Amino acid sequence: MTDSVEVLLVRLPRVLSDIISGVLTAEPGVKVRLEETPRRDVTESVLEAAPDVAIVSSDSPDLHQRWDDLLGELPRLKILTIVDDGRLGFLYELRPCRVPLGEVSAQTLLDAVRTAKAVAR
């Protein structure tokens, strides 16, 4: 048996909301809710509902900093932003990553630091 997934649709244009809702509700185990009372701040609606996934309309894919606090409050939350009138989507999540380095030596330490610096760019 698969776990159910609760999805909250927030601030989506009506047509896009209807399309996404139709696609998701056809899938067994997916429960779709619409934002009940639109708030000034999207984070308030998401925090109150505490869904597994929040699908949010966004003006720009570069607003990822906006989600940092929300993901800190709800670490299992996934945020899917839909931009460009539904043509593009971006998934945000708080995902710890662990990479085994093996036996620590001067070389593995240097490699790990170089890799971390390259990823941070």
N, C-alpha and C. Protein backbone atom coordinates (compact mmCIF):
# COMPACT_ATOMS: atom_id res chain seq x y z
N MET A 1 0.83 -1.18 0.00
CA MET A 1 0.00 0.00 0.00
C MET A 1 0.88 1.25 0.00
N THR A 2 0.55 2.20 -0.84
CA THR A 2 1.33 3.43 -0.90
C THR A 2 0.74 4.47 0.03
N ASP A 3 1.59 5.33 0.52
CA ASP A 3 1.12 6.43 1.37
C ASP A 3 0.41 7.46 0.52
N SER A 4 -0.54 8.15 1.14
CA SER A 4 -1.21 9.21 0.41
C SER A 4 -0.36 10.47 0.45
N VAL A 5 -0.57 11.31 -0.53
CA VAL A 5 0.17 12.56 -0.65
C VAL A 5 -0.83 13.70 -0.64
N GLU A 6 -0.62 14.66 0.24
CA GLU A 6 -1.50 15.83 0.30
C GLU A 6 -0.84 16.99 -0.42
N VAL A 7 -1.56 17.53 -1.40
CA VAL A 7 -1.05 18.61 -2.23
C VAL A 7 -1.92 19.85 -2.01
N LEU A 8 -1.28 20.98 -1.77
CA LEU A 8 -1.98 22.25 -1.61
C LEU A 8 -1.69 23.13 -2.83
N LEU A 9 -2.74 23.59 -3.49
CA LEU A 9 -2.60 24.51 -4.62
C LEU A 9 -2.76 25.93 -4.09
N VAL A 10 -1.74 26.75 -4.33
CA VAL A 10 -1.71 28.10 -3.77
C VAL A 10 -1.48 29.13 -4.86
N ARG A 11 -2.39 30.10 -4.92
CA ARG A 11 -2.24 31.25 -5.81
C ARG A 11 -2.05 30.90 -7.28
N LEU A 12 -2.67 29.84 -7.72
CA LEU A 12 -2.58 29.48 -9.13
C LEU A 12 -3.73 30.13 -9.89
N PRO A 13 -3.51 30.53 -11.14
CA PRO A 13 -4.63 31.00 -11.94
C PRO A 13 -5.69 29.89 -12.05
N ARG A 14 -6.94 30.26 -12.11
CA ARG A 14 -8.06 29.31 -12.07
C ARG A 14 -7.91 28.18 -13.09
N VAL A 15 -7.60 28.50 -14.32
CA VAL A 15 -7.49 27.48 -15.37
C VAL A 15 -6.36 26.51 -15.05
N LEU A 16 -5.22 27.03 -14.63
CA LEU A 16 -4.09 26.19 -14.28
C LEU A 16 -4.40 25.33 -13.07
N SER A 17 -5.07 25.90 -12.10
CA SER A 17 -5.48 25.16 -10.91
C SER A 17 -6.41 24.00 -11.29
N ASP A 18 -7.36 24.26 -12.18
CA ASP A 18 -8.28 23.21 -12.63
C ASP A 18 -7.54 22.08 -13.35
N ILE A 19 -6.60 22.44 -14.20
CA ILE A 19 -5.83 21.43 -14.94
C ILE A 19 -5.01 20.58 -13.99
N ILE A 20 -4.26 21.24 -13.11
CA ILE A 20 -3.41 20.50 -12.17
C ILE A 20 -4.25 19.64 -11.24
N SER A 21 -5.34 20.19 -10.75
CA SER A 21 -6.22 19.44 -9.86
C SER A 21 -6.78 18.20 -10.58
N GLY A 22 -7.19 18.36 -11.82
CA GLY A 22 -7.71 17.23 -12.59
C GLY A 22 -6.68 16.13 -12.79
N VAL A 23 -5.47 16.51 -13.09
CA VAL A 23 -4.40 15.53 -13.29
C VAL A 23 -4.11 14.79 -11.98
N LEU A 24 -3.99 15.53 -10.89
CA LEU A 24 -3.60 14.92 -9.62
C LEU A 24 -4.70 14.10 -8.97
N THR A 25 -5.94 14.56 -9.03
CA THR A 25 -7.03 13.82 -8.38
C THR A 25 -7.33 12.51 -9.09
N ALA A 26 -6.92 12.39 -10.33
CA ALA A 26 -7.10 11.12 -11.05
C ALA A 26 -6.14 10.05 -10.54
N GLU A 27 -5.14 10.46 -9.81
CA GLU A 27 -4.14 9.54 -9.29
C GLU A 27 -4.55 9.03 -7.90
N PRO A 28 -4.64 7.71 -7.72
CA PRO A 28 -5.00 7.18 -6.39
C PRO A 28 -3.99 7.62 -5.33
N GLY A 29 -4.49 7.96 -4.17
CA GLY A 29 -3.63 8.33 -3.05
C GLY A 29 -3.19 9.78 -3.03
N VAL A 30 -3.67 10.58 -3.98
CA VAL A 30 -3.31 12.00 -4.00
C VAL A 30 -4.54 12.81 -3.59
N LYS A 31 -4.38 13.59 -2.55
CA LYS A 31 -5.46 14.46 -2.07
C LYS A 31 -5.09 15.89 -2.39
N VAL A 32 -5.94 16.59 -3.13
CA VAL A 32 -5.66 17.96 -3.55
C VAL A 32 -6.57 18.90 -2.78
N ARG A 33 -5.95 19.95 -2.23
CA ARG A 33 -6.71 21.00 -1.55
C ARG A 33 -6.35 22.34 -2.16
N LEU A 34 -7.33 23.20 -2.22
CA LEU A 34 -7.10 24.57 -2.67
C LEU A 34 -6.87 25.44 -1.44
N GLU A 35 -6.09 26.48 -1.60
CA GLU A 35 -5.88 27.45 -0.52
C GLU A 35 -7.25 27.97 -0.11
N GLU A 36 -7.62 27.75 1.15
CA GLU A 36 -8.97 28.11 1.60
C GLU A 36 -9.19 29.60 1.65
N THR A 37 -8.35 30.31 2.33
CA THR A 37 -8.48 31.76 2.44
C THR A 37 -7.16 32.38 2.01
N PRO A 38 -7.12 32.98 0.83
CA PRO A 38 -5.85 33.58 0.39
C PRO A 38 -5.32 34.58 1.42
N ARG A 39 -4.06 34.46 1.73
CA ARG A 39 -3.40 35.32 2.69
C ARG A 39 -2.46 36.26 1.94
N ARG A 40 -2.03 37.30 2.64
CA ARG A 40 -1.06 38.20 2.02
C ARG A 40 0.24 37.47 1.74
N ASP A 41 0.60 36.54 2.61
CA ASP A 41 1.86 35.82 2.48
C ASP A 41 1.57 34.35 2.19
N VAL A 42 2.14 33.83 1.12
CA VAL A 42 1.95 32.43 0.74
C VAL A 42 2.40 31.50 1.86
N THR A 43 3.47 31.87 2.54
CA THR A 43 4.01 30.99 3.58
C THR A 43 2.99 30.74 4.69
N GLU A 44 2.16 31.72 5.01
CA GLU A 44 1.13 31.52 6.05
C GLU A 44 0.17 30.41 5.65
N SER A 45 -0.27 30.43 4.42
CA SER A 45 -1.20 29.40 3.94
C SER A 45 -0.57 28.02 3.98
N VAL A 46 0.67 27.95 3.55
CA VAL A 46 1.36 26.65 3.52
C VAL A 46 1.63 26.16 4.93
N LEU A 47 2.08 27.04 5.81
CA LEU A 47 2.33 26.63 7.20
C LEU A 47 1.05 26.13 7.87
N GLU A 48 -0.05 26.82 7.63
CA GLU A 48 -1.32 26.42 8.24
C GLU A 48 -1.78 25.06 7.73
N ALA A 49 -1.64 24.81 6.45
CA ALA A 49 -2.12 23.56 5.85
C ALA A 49 -1.13 22.41 6.06
N ALA A 50 0.16 22.72 6.12
CA ALA A 50 1.23 21.72 6.28
C ALA A 50 1.07 20.53 5.33
N PRO A 51 1.00 20.78 4.02
CA PRO A 51 0.86 19.68 3.06
C PRO A 51 2.19 18.96 2.83
N ASP A 52 2.12 17.88 2.07
CA ASP A 52 3.36 17.22 1.65
C ASP A 52 4.00 18.00 0.51
N VAL A 53 3.15 18.53 -0.38
CA VAL A 53 3.61 19.29 -1.54
C VAL A 53 2.76 20.55 -1.66
N ALA A 54 3.40 21.68 -1.88
CA ALA A 54 2.69 22.92 -2.18
C ALA A 54 3.02 23.30 -3.62
N ILE A 55 2.00 23.52 -4.41
CA ILE A 55 2.19 23.98 -5.79
C ILE A 55 1.78 25.44 -5.82
N VAL A 56 2.73 26.28 -6.19
CA VAL A 56 2.56 27.72 -6.07
C VAL A 56 2.89 28.41 -7.39
N SER A 57 2.08 29.37 -7.76
CA SER A 57 2.39 30.20 -8.92
C SER A 57 3.47 31.20 -8.51
N SER A 58 4.42 31.41 -9.41
CA SER A 58 5.52 32.32 -9.10
C SER A 58 5.84 33.16 -10.33
N ASP A 59 6.26 34.38 -10.09
CA ASP A 59 6.64 35.27 -11.18
C ASP A 59 8.02 34.96 -11.73
N SER A 60 8.85 34.35 -10.90
CA SER A 60 10.24 34.13 -11.28
C SER A 60 10.77 32.84 -10.66
N PRO A 61 11.59 32.10 -11.43
CA PRO A 61 12.20 30.89 -10.84
C PRO A 61 13.31 31.23 -9.85
N ASP A 62 13.68 32.48 -9.78
CA ASP A 62 14.80 32.89 -8.92
C ASP A 62 14.38 33.30 -7.52
N LEU A 63 13.19 32.93 -7.10
CA LEU A 63 12.72 33.31 -5.76
C LEU A 63 12.99 32.23 -4.72
N HIS A 64 13.99 31.38 -4.96
CA HIS A 64 14.24 30.26 -4.06
C HIS A 64 14.54 30.69 -2.64
N GLN A 65 15.13 31.85 -2.44
CA GLN A 65 15.43 32.31 -1.07
C GLN A 65 14.15 32.51 -0.28
N ARG A 66 13.09 32.80 -0.97
CA ARG A 66 11.79 32.99 -0.33
C ARG A 66 11.33 31.73 0.41
N TRP A 67 11.75 30.58 -0.06
CA TRP A 67 11.27 29.32 0.49
C TRP A 67 12.15 28.78 1.62
N ASP A 68 13.31 29.36 1.85
CA ASP A 68 14.23 28.82 2.85
C ASP A 68 13.60 28.68 4.23
N ASP A 69 12.96 29.73 4.73
CA ASP A 69 12.36 29.68 6.06
C ASP A 69 11.22 28.66 6.11
N LEU A 70 10.43 28.62 5.07
CA LEU A 70 9.31 27.68 5.01
C LEU A 70 9.80 26.23 5.03
N LEU A 71 10.83 25.94 4.27
CA LEU A 71 11.40 24.59 4.27
C LEU A 71 12.06 24.26 5.61
N GLY A 72 12.57 25.28 6.29
CA GLY A 72 13.11 25.07 7.63
C GLY A 72 12.03 24.71 8.63
N GLU A 73 10.85 25.31 8.48
CA GLU A 73 9.72 25.02 9.37
C GLU A 73 9.08 23.66 9.07
N LEU A 74 9.02 23.32 7.78
CA LEU A 74 8.40 22.06 7.34
C LEU A 74 9.41 21.30 6.49
N PRO A 75 10.39 20.65 7.11
CA PRO A 75 11.50 20.07 6.36
C PRO A 75 11.11 18.97 5.37
N ARG A 76 9.97 18.34 5.54
CA ARG A 76 9.55 17.29 4.59
C ARG A 76 8.75 17.86 3.42
N LEU A 77 8.45 19.12 3.46
CA LEU A 77 7.68 19.79 2.42
C LEU A 77 8.47 19.86 1.11
N LYS A 78 7.77 19.68 0.01
CA LYS A 78 8.31 19.95 -1.32
C LYS A 78 7.49 21.11 -1.88
N ILE A 79 8.16 22.06 -2.50
CA ILE A 79 7.48 23.21 -3.10
C ILE A 79 7.72 23.16 -4.60
N LEU A 80 6.64 23.08 -5.34
CA LEU A 80 6.71 23.10 -6.79
C LEU A 80 6.20 24.44 -7.26
N THR A 81 7.08 25.24 -7.85
CA THR A 81 6.64 26.54 -8.35
C THR A 81 6.38 26.41 -9.85
N ILE A 82 5.30 27.02 -10.27
CA ILE A 82 4.92 27.04 -11.68
C ILE A 82 5.10 28.48 -12.15
N VAL A 83 5.91 28.66 -13.19
CA VAL A 83 6.16 30.00 -13.73
C VAL A 83 5.84 30.02 -15.22
N ASP A 84 5.85 31.20 -15.76
CA ASP A 84 5.66 31.39 -17.20
C ASP A 84 4.34 30.79 -17.67
N ASP A 85 3.25 31.14 -16.96
CA ASP A 85 1.91 30.68 -17.31
C ASP A 85 1.79 29.16 -17.43
N GLY A 86 2.52 28.45 -16.58
CA GLY A 86 2.39 27.01 -16.55
C GLY A 86 3.36 26.26 -17.44
N ARG A 87 4.26 26.96 -18.09
CA ARG A 87 5.19 26.28 -18.99
C ARG A 87 6.42 25.74 -18.30
N LEU A 88 6.82 26.34 -17.18
CA LEU A 88 8.01 25.91 -16.47
C LEU A 88 7.69 25.62 -15.02
N GLY A 89 8.38 24.64 -14.46
CA GLY A 89 8.20 24.31 -13.06
C GLY A 89 9.54 24.06 -12.41
N PHE A 90 9.63 24.36 -11.11
CA PHE A 90 10.85 24.14 -10.34
C PHE A 90 10.47 23.51 -9.01
N LEU A 91 11.22 22.51 -8.61
CA LEU A 91 10.96 21.81 -7.35
C LEU A 91 12.01 22.24 -6.32
N TYR A 92 11.53 22.67 -5.17
CA TYR A 92 12.40 23.07 -4.06
C TYR A 92 12.18 22.10 -2.91
N GLU A 93 13.29 21.72 -2.27
CA GLU A 93 13.20 20.85 -1.12
C GLU A 93 14.43 21.04 -0.25
N LEU A 94 14.28 20.70 1.00
CA LEU A 94 15.39 20.70 1.94
C LEU A 94 15.90 19.27 1.94
N ARG A 95 17.08 19.08 1.40
CA ARG A 95 17.56 17.72 1.23
C ARG A 95 18.99 17.59 1.73
N PRO A 96 19.15 17.04 2.91
CA PRO A 96 20.51 16.78 3.37
C PRO A 96 21.17 15.76 2.43
N CYS A 97 22.43 15.92 2.24
CA CYS A 97 23.15 15.03 1.34
C CYS A 97 24.39 14.51 2.06
N ARG A 98 24.57 13.21 1.99
CA ARG A 98 25.74 12.60 2.61
C ARG A 98 26.48 11.82 1.53
N VAL A 99 27.75 12.11 1.38
CA VAL A 99 28.57 11.41 0.40
C VAL A 99 29.70 10.72 1.14
N PRO A 100 29.75 9.39 1.05
CA PRO A 100 30.85 8.69 1.73
C PRO A 100 32.19 9.02 1.08
N LEU A 101 33.15 9.35 1.91
CA LEU A 101 34.47 9.71 1.41
C LEU A 101 35.46 8.56 1.52
N GLY A 102 35.11 7.56 2.28
CA GLY A 102 36.05 6.46 2.51
C GLY A 102 37.08 6.87 3.53
N GLU A 103 38.21 6.24 3.46
CA GLU A 103 39.27 6.53 4.41
C GLU A 103 39.81 7.94 4.19
N VAL A 104 39.89 8.71 5.26
CA VAL A 104 40.31 10.10 5.15
C VAL A 104 41.83 10.17 5.03
N SER A 105 42.24 10.82 3.98
CA SER A 105 43.67 11.08 3.76
C SER A 105 43.78 12.53 3.33
N ALA A 106 45.00 12.98 3.15
CA ALA A 106 45.20 14.35 2.68
C ALA A 106 44.52 14.55 1.33
N GLN A 107 44.61 13.55 0.46
CA GLN A 107 44.03 13.67 -0.88
C GLN A 107 42.50 13.67 -0.84
N THR A 108 41.89 12.78 -0.06
CA THR A 108 40.41 12.77 0.00
C THR A 108 39.90 14.04 0.64
N LEU A 109 40.63 14.56 1.61
CA LEU A 109 40.23 15.83 2.24
C LEU A 109 40.27 16.96 1.22
N LEU A 110 41.36 17.06 0.45
CA LEU A 110 41.47 18.09 -0.58
C LEU A 110 40.40 17.93 -1.65
N ASP A 111 40.15 16.69 -2.08
CA ASP A 111 39.13 16.43 -3.10
C ASP A 111 37.74 16.86 -2.60
N ALA A 112 37.45 16.55 -1.34
CA ALA A 112 36.15 16.91 -0.77
C ALA A 112 35.98 18.42 -0.71
N VAL A 113 37.03 19.13 -0.32
CA VAL A 113 36.97 20.59 -0.24
C VAL A 113 36.81 21.19 -1.62
N ARG A 114 37.54 20.68 -2.59
CA ARG A 114 37.40 21.18 -3.97
C ARG A 114 36.01 20.93 -4.52
N THR A 115 35.48 19.75 -4.27
CA THR A 115 34.14 19.41 -4.75
C THR A 115 33.10 20.32 -4.09
N ALA A 116 33.24 20.54 -2.79
CA ALA A 116 32.29 21.41 -2.08
C ALA A 116 32.34 22.82 -2.63
N LYS A 117 33.52 23.31 -2.94
CA LYS A 117 33.65 24.65 -3.48
C LYS A 117 33.04 24.72 -4.89
N ALA A 118 33.24 23.70 -5.69
CA ALA A 118 32.70 23.67 -7.06
C ALA A 118 31.17 23.63 -7.03
N VAL A 119 30.60 22.87 -6.12
CA VAL A 119 29.14 22.76 -6.00
C VAL A 119 28.54 24.07 -5.52
N ALA A 120 29.25 24.78 -4.66
CA ALA A 120 28.74 26.03 -4.10
C ALA A 120 28.66 27.15 -5.13
N ARG A 121 29.36 27.01 -6.21
CA ARG A 121 29.37 28.08 -7.24
C ARG A 121 28.11 28.14 -7.98
